[in-house]
């Protein structure tokens, strides 16, 4: 059964004091080699010698919000077509997708969340 967290507001710079209930595991880790601010970020782990077939790696956040809300984050996107992409999904619907890398700059991603 999916577990959702009632949530009002907060932030997380992955410095160990964040209050956003990320479900981190699998192919994601807290990283101290690059950060937008502070000294940490979260990144997808690149698998050495991975198969040529594309793999799916999810970073999940399951929230219940009682009013319209905004989720904002910054990402360095390193993908290449035709197999790699970054997709932002809300309620199992893809609301944004990125198919090209953002080079060395951070991209601001803002997502509106409906109550529920």
Foldseek 3Di string as FASTA:
>chain_A
DDDAAEDDDWDDQPPPPTDFDKPDDDQKDWDQPDGPDDRIDMDGHDDPPDDPAADDDDTDGHYAYAAKDKDKDKDFDDAAPDRDKDFDDDPNHTPDIGHHTPPPDIDMDMDIDGGD
